[in-house]
Protein backbone atom coordinates (compact mmCIF):
# COMPACT_ATOMS: atom_id res chain seq x y z
CA UNK A 1 14.21 4.00 -13.18
CA UNK A 2 12.37 1.22 -14.83
CA UNK A 3 8.99 2.67 -15.35
CA UNK A 4 6.97 5.90 -14.85
CA UNK A 5 4.69 6.20 -11.96
CA UNK A 6 1.06 5.31 -12.71
CA UNK A 7 -1.47 8.14 -12.95
CA UNK A 8 -5.06 8.52 -13.94
CA UNK A 9 -5.70 8.52 -17.68
CA UNK A 10 -5.89 6.13 -20.52
CA UNK A 11 -2.32 6.17 -21.78
CA UNK A 12 1.09 6.40 -20.07
CA UNK A 13 4.69 5.35 -20.67
CA UNK A 14 6.67 2.38 -19.45
CA UNK A 15 10.51 2.63 -19.62
CA UNK A 16 12.24 -0.65 -19.18
CA UNK A 17 15.97 -0.66 -18.91
CA UNK A 18 17.81 -1.57 -22.12
CA UNK A 19 17.79 -3.87 -23.88
CA UNK A 20 14.11 -4.61 -24.39
CA UNK A 21 11.91 -6.13 -27.16
CA UNK A 22 8.16 -6.30 -26.54
CA UNK A 23 7.49 -8.57 -29.45
CA UNK A 24 9.87 -11.34 -28.26
CA UNK A 25 8.71 -11.05 -24.68
CA UNK A 26 5.04 -11.41 -25.78
CA UNK A 27 5.73 -14.46 -27.84
CA UNK A 28 7.57 -16.03 -24.90
CA UNK A 29 4.38 -15.43 -23.02
CA UNK A 30 1.85 -16.53 -25.64
CA UNK A 31 3.84 -19.44 -27.18
CA UNK A 32 1.55 -20.06 -30.24
CA UNK A 33 -0.58 -17.84 -32.41
CA UNK A 34 -3.59 -19.81 -31.25
CA UNK A 35 -3.45 -18.02 -27.83
CA UNK A 36 -6.48 -15.71 -27.75
CA UNK A 37 -5.90 -14.42 -24.24
CA UNK A 38 -2.45 -12.91 -24.88
CA UNK A 39 -2.81 -11.34 -28.41
CA UNK A 40 -0.24 -9.75 -30.72
CA UNK A 41 -1.04 -7.64 -33.81
CA UNK A 42 0.09 -3.95 -33.68
CA UNK A 43 1.28 -4.53 -30.17
CA UNK A 44 0.30 -6.53 -27.09
CA UNK A 45 -3.34 -6.81 -26.22
CA UNK A 46 -5.05 -8.47 -23.30
CA UNK A 47 -8.12 -7.94 -21.14
CA UNK A 48 -7.42 -7.71 -17.49
CA UNK A 49 -9.79 -7.98 -14.58
CA UNK A 50 -9.63 -5.06 -12.01
CA UNK A 51 -12.00 -5.58 -9.15
CA UNK A 52 -15.26 -6.34 -11.06
CA UNK A 53 -14.31 -4.50 -14.28
CA UNK A 54 -12.77 -5.87 -17.32
CA UNK A 55 -10.13 -3.37 -18.80
CA UNK A 56 -8.57 -3.82 -22.28
CA UNK A 57 -4.94 -2.95 -22.42
CA UNK A 58 -2.74 -2.31 -25.39
CA UNK A 59 1.10 -2.03 -25.14
CA UNK A 60 3.29 -0.81 -28.03
CA UNK A 61 7.02 -0.30 -28.21
CA UNK A 62 7.73 3.27 -29.41
CA UNK A 63 11.64 3.21 -29.41
CA UNK A 64 14.13 0.56 -30.19
CA UNK A 65 15.82 -2.25 -28.21
CA UNK A 66 18.75 -0.21 -26.84
CA UNK A 67 16.62 2.88 -25.84
CA UNK A 68 13.31 1.23 -25.22
CA UNK A 69 10.09 3.14 -24.52
CA UNK A 70 6.70 1.41 -24.23
CA UNK A 71 3.30 2.94 -24.14
CA UNK A 72 0.44 1.32 -22.25
CA UNK A 73 -3.18 2.22 -23.24
CA UNK A 74 -6.08 1.30 -21.01
CA UNK A 75 -9.65 1.21 -22.32
CA UNK A 76 -12.14 1.79 -19.50
CA UNK A 77 -15.90 2.23 -19.62
CA UNK A 78 -15.85 5.88 -18.88
CA UNK A 79 -12.81 7.49 -17.20
CA UNK A 80 -10.04 5.40 -15.85
CA UNK A 81 -9.58 6.01 -12.14
CA UNK A 82 -6.24 6.15 -10.39
CA UNK A 83 -7.12 2.80 -8.80
CA UNK A 84 -7.85 1.29 -12.28
CA UNK A 85 -4.39 2.38 -13.58
CA UNK A 86 -2.54 1.29 -10.52
CA UNK A 87 -4.04 -2.14 -10.68
CA UNK A 88 -3.41 -2.52 -14.39
CA UNK A 89 0.15 -1.26 -13.72
CA UNK A 90 0.70 -3.83 -11.03
CA UNK A 91 -0.24 -6.67 -13.44
CA UNK A 92 1.34 -5.39 -16.63
CA UNK A 93 4.90 -4.66 -15.20
CA UNK A 94 5.57 -8.30 -14.19
CA UNK A 95 3.55 -9.76 -17.02
CA UNK A 96 5.90 -8.11 -19.51
CA UNK A 97 9.18 -8.34 -17.44
CA UNK A 98 9.46 -4.49 -17.50
CA UNK A 99 11.27 -4.23 -14.19
CA UNK A 100 13.62 -7.31 -14.54
CA UNK A 101 17.23 -6.51 -14.99
CA UNK A 102 19.16 -8.63 -17.41
CA UNK A 103 22.68 -7.58 -16.96
CA UNK A 104 23.78 -10.67 -14.86
CA UNK A 105 22.00 -12.95 -17.23
CA UNK A 106 23.95 -11.48 -20.28
CA UNK A 107 27.12 -11.87 -18.26
CA UNK A 108 26.43 -15.54 -17.57
CA UNK A 109 25.38 -16.07 -21.25
CA UNK A 110 28.58 -14.65 -22.53
CA UNK A 111 30.62 -17.25 -20.77
CA UNK A 112 29.58 -19.86 -23.30
CA UNK A 113 29.63 -19.25 -27.08
CA UNK A 114 26.49 -21.20 -27.65
CA UNK A 115 24.40 -19.21 -25.21
CA UNK A 116 26.15 -15.93 -26.21
CA UNK A 117 24.84 -16.42 -29.72
CA UNK A 118 21.40 -17.34 -28.57
CA UNK A 119 21.22 -14.29 -26.23
CA UNK A 120 22.46 -11.97 -29.03
CA UNK A 121 19.82 -13.36 -31.39
CA UNK A 122 16.95 -12.77 -29.08
CA UNK A 123 18.46 -9.71 -27.40
CA UNK A 124 15.83 -7.82 -25.47
CA UNK A 125 13.47 -10.60 -24.44
CA UNK A 126 12.43 -10.45 -20.76
CA UNK A 127 10.90 -13.27 -18.81
CA UNK A 128 7.11 -13.00 -18.92
CA UNK A 129 4.97 -14.01 -16.07
CA UNK A 130 1.26 -14.80 -15.82
CA UNK A 131 -0.69 -12.23 -13.89
CA UNK A 132 -1.63 -14.74 -11.17
CA UNK A 133 -0.36 -17.85 -9.56
CA UNK A 134 -3.81 -19.41 -10.30
CA UNK A 135 -3.47 -18.65 -14.08
CA UNK A 136 -0.12 -20.31 -14.15
CA UNK A 137 -1.45 -23.45 -12.50
CA UNK A 138 -4.41 -23.53 -14.77
CA UNK A 139 -2.05 -23.15 -17.73
CA UNK A 140 -0.08 -26.17 -16.52
CA UNK A 141 -3.19 -28.36 -16.02
CA UNK A 142 -4.58 -27.56 -19.41
CA UNK A 143 -1.24 -28.49 -21.05
CA UNK A 144 -0.57 -31.70 -19.19
CA UNK A 145 0.12 -34.54 -21.56
CA UNK A 146 -1.36 -32.57 -24.47
CA UNK A 147 0.09 -30.61 -27.25
CA UNK A 148 0.41 -26.95 -26.73
CA UNK A 149 -2.10 -26.17 -29.59
CA UNK A 150 -4.73 -28.23 -27.80
CA UNK A 151 -3.94 -26.85 -24.34
CA UNK A 152 -4.25 -23.36 -25.58
CA UNK A 153 -7.58 -24.15 -27.24
CA UNK A 154 -8.85 -25.44 -23.85
CA UNK A 155 -7.67 -22.20 -22.18
CA UNK A 156 -9.34 -20.05 -24.85
CA UNK A 157 -12.61 -21.91 -24.28
CA UNK A 158 -12.36 -21.65 -20.55
CA UNK A 159 -11.89 -17.92 -20.74
CA UNK A 160 -14.78 -17.45 -23.16
CA UNK A 161 -17.11 -19.59 -20.97
CA UNK A 162 -16.37 -18.54 -17.42
CA UNK A 163 -14.02 -15.58 -17.64
CA UNK A 164 -15.36 -12.04 -16.89
CA UNK A 165 -16.93 -10.53 -19.99
CA UNK A 166 -15.92 -13.69 -21.82
CA UNK A 167 -12.46 -12.33 -22.41
CA UNK A 168 -10.60 -11.92 -19.02
CA UNK A 169 -8.96 -14.99 -17.64
CA UNK A 170 -11.23 -16.64 -15.02
CA UNK A 171 -10.75 -16.04 -11.34
CA UNK A 172 -10.81 -19.08 -9.01
CA UNK A 173 -14.25 -18.40 -7.78
CA UNK A 174 -15.63 -18.52 -11.36
CA UNK A 175 -14.10 -22.01 -11.87
CA UNK A 176 -15.58 -23.26 -8.62
CA UNK A 177 -19.01 -21.94 -9.58
CA UNK A 178 -19.03 -23.64 -13.00
CA UNK A 179 -20.59 -26.99 -13.09
CA UNK A 180 -18.04 -29.77 -13.72
CA UNK A 181 -20.06 -30.84 -16.72
CA UNK A 182 -19.54 -27.37 -18.20
CA UNK A 183 -15.77 -27.80 -17.87
CA UNK A 184 -16.00 -31.23 -19.45
CA UNK A 185 -18.06 -29.74 -22.28
CA UNK A 186 -15.21 -27.32 -23.03
CA UNK A 187 -12.87 -30.48 -23.60
CA UNK A 188 -11.34 -30.86 -20.12
CA UNK A 189 -11.36 -34.50 -19.03
CA UNK A 190 -13.20 -35.36 -15.90
CA UNK A 191 -9.81 -35.71 -14.13
CA UNK A 192 -8.61 -32.26 -15.30
CA UNK A 193 -11.94 -30.68 -14.36
CA UNK A 194 -11.25 -32.05 -10.89
CA UNK A 195 -7.72 -30.62 -10.96
CA UNK A 196 -9.05 -27.08 -12.00
CA UNK A 197 -11.39 -27.16 -9.06
CA UNK A 198 -8.63 -28.35 -6.74
CA UNK A 199 -6.28 -25.40 -7.53
CA UNK A 200 -9.13 -22.98 -7.36
CA UNK A 201 -9.95 -24.23 -3.87
CA UNK A 202 -6.35 -24.10 -2.81
CA UNK A 203 -6.20 -20.44 -3.71
CA UNK A 204 -9.59 -19.38 -2.34
CA UNK A 205 -9.38 -21.23 0.94
CA UNK A 206 -5.84 -20.03 1.68
CA UNK A 207 -4.25 -23.45 1.86
CA UNK A 208 -1.86 -22.17 -0.89
CA UNK A 209 -0.04 -19.22 0.64
CA UNK A 210 1.68 -17.24 -2.09
CA UNK A 211 3.86 -15.31 0.34
CA UNK A 212 5.00 -18.58 1.95
CA UNK A 213 5.72 -20.02 -1.49
CA UNK A 214 7.87 -17.00 -2.40
CA UNK A 215 10.01 -17.50 0.65
CA UNK A 216 10.88 -21.17 -0.07
CA UNK A 217 13.76 -22.48 -2.06
CA UNK A 218 13.07 -24.44 -5.34
CA UNK A 219 12.78 -27.76 -3.65
CA UNK A 220 10.55 -26.51 -0.88
CA UNK A 221 8.31 -24.53 -3.25
CA UNK A 222 7.91 -27.55 -5.50
CA UNK A 223 7.04 -29.75 -2.52
CA UNK A 224 4.37 -27.24 -1.40
CA UNK A 225 2.83 -27.02 -4.82
CA UNK A 226 2.72 -30.72 -5.42
CA UNK A 227 0.59 -31.10 -2.30
CA UNK A 228 -2.25 -29.75 -4.31
CA UNK A 229 -4.25 -32.41 -6.17
CA UNK A 230 -3.38 -32.29 -9.91
CA UNK A 231 -0.03 -30.54 -9.56
CA UNK A 232 2.96 -32.76 -10.21
CA UNK A 233 6.58 -31.89 -10.59
CA UNK A 234 6.31 -30.58 -14.08
CA UNK A 235 3.25 -28.51 -13.31
CA UNK A 236 4.95 -27.17 -10.15
CA UNK A 237 8.16 -26.11 -11.89
CA UNK A 238 6.14 -24.54 -14.84
CA UNK A 239 4.26 -22.56 -12.22
CA UNK A 240 7.36 -21.37 -10.45
CA UNK A 241 8.96 -20.21 -13.73
CA UNK A 242 5.91 -18.64 -15.40
CA UNK A 243 3.82 -17.73 -12.32
CA UNK A 244 6.47 -16.63 -9.86
CA UNK A 245 9.36 -15.56 -12.21
CA UNK A 246 11.75 -18.15 -10.66
CA UNK A 247 14.54 -17.98 -13.30
CA UNK A 248 16.51 -20.65 -11.66
CA UNK A 249 13.88 -23.19 -12.82
CA UNK A 250 14.10 -25.10 -16.07
CA UNK A 251 11.08 -27.53 -16.12
CA UNK A 252 13.14 -30.70 -16.68
CA UNK A 253 10.12 -32.89 -17.28
CA UNK A 254 8.89 -30.70 -20.26
CA UNK A 255 9.37 -32.95 -23.28
CA UNK A 256 9.42 -30.10 -25.82
CA UNK A 257 12.03 -28.15 -23.74
CA UNK A 258 14.09 -31.35 -23.29
CA UNK A 259 14.15 -31.95 -26.95
CA UNK A 260 15.18 -28.32 -27.69
CA UNK A 261 17.87 -28.57 -25.14
CA UNK A 262 19.10 -31.88 -26.63
CA UNK A 263 19.56 -30.22 -30.02
CA UNK A 264 21.10 -27.08 -28.55
CA UNK A 265 23.71 -29.03 -26.64
CA UNK A 266 24.18 -31.57 -29.49
CA UNK A 267 23.59 -34.52 -27.34
CA UNK A 268 23.35 -38.05 -28.65
CA UNK A 269 20.71 -39.11 -26.15
CA UNK A 270 17.63 -37.86 -24.33
CA UNK A 271 18.87 -36.48 -21.00
CA UNK A 272 16.84 -37.42 -17.94
CA UNK A 273 15.68 -35.03 -15.20
CA UNK A 274 18.86 -35.41 -13.09
CA UNK A 275 21.13 -34.91 -16.10
CA UNK A 276 19.32 -31.80 -17.18
CA UNK A 277 19.96 -30.27 -13.91
CA UNK A 278 23.75 -31.07 -14.13
CA UNK A 279 23.86 -29.80 -17.75
CA UNK A 280 22.28 -26.49 -16.81
CA UNK A 281 24.49 -25.85 -13.87
CA UNK A 282 26.90 -23.44 -15.86
CA UNK A 283 23.91 -21.25 -16.47
CA UNK A 284 22.66 -21.04 -12.87
CA UNK A 285 20.59 -19.17 -11.76
CA UNK A 286 19.27 -18.42 -15.19
CA UNK A 287 18.23 -21.74 -16.55
CA UNK A 288 14.72 -20.37 -16.99
CA UNK A 289 16.00 -17.69 -19.35
CA UNK A 290 17.56 -20.52 -21.45
CA UNK A 291 14.14 -22.15 -21.45
CA UNK A 292 12.55 -18.95 -22.96
CA UNK A 293 15.38 -18.52 -25.47
CA UNK A 294 15.09 -22.05 -26.66
CA UNK A 295 11.23 -21.57 -26.95
CA UNK A 296 11.81 -18.54 -29.21
CA UNK A 297 14.37 -20.33 -31.19
CA UNK A 298 11.85 -22.93 -31.93
CA UNK A 299 9.19 -20.37 -32.92
CA UNK A 300 11.73 -18.78 -35.27
CA UNK A 301 12.47 -22.14 -36.84
CA UNK A 302 8.77 -22.55 -37.54
CA UNK A 303 8.53 -19.06 -39.07
CA UNK A 304 6.07 -17.95 -36.35
CA UNK A 305 8.24 -14.96 -35.38
CA UNK A 306 10.54 -12.61 -37.22
CA UNK A 307 13.64 -12.15 -35.24
CA UNK A 308 14.81 -9.16 -37.36
């Protein structure tokens, strides 16, 4: 059993399978301290939209990595209904990778001493996912050809300006209702403002069918996503990994990830997209988990996280 059944109330347990580390999982999600949407202080905090209500959630880890127990607290205006709790539950469980089994990944990682050491150092991290496909695509657009710090600043501003209550990530309809000049005033270029409206339209008019996307292989899913104006190969793969939890995907056009991979494998050259696919073959279908581990390794090098 990976988690308790949701029930009405403001606090209830989540019980992921061991090993699990909430702090590492959250940092794989938030990427930088500048992220004001996914926050970390005495636990994980985020504001989620449930119907037309903004509910603030707080998740803490009460027991350790090998016998993990989490507690999810939900702050509602008044009593939390069973519907509220169920909707929060359905977002938080994939968001924090609570139900993802890691046994097969650890078996694959153990086959190579390099990944075995990396997996041991960050033991317990789970693959996080954005609560919606739309949020994943907007994250990709915000970070296109910009530093992560700048991209996160744009996302913070977008949420404050058009998100529900100024703190829950915007829904597609809110982006479409926003004047393009408002988006530009937040720091988005005219082209990126156009891209935001494009992905919002694809979600709202049904031209992007998430169920169809889930049924496609990597190549087919990438092709479907890149039909949307503003979504190229990197953005598509970023969306598949962080929006759909496709752990077979390592965004090969990601410059930062490519540089980390080069150092990790001690290469004497920058691998191109095709070579990256070949180099990652031994870790299939968990190239995406290597991506998250290398991200955490970089954060640890910067002193942003304490591995313990």
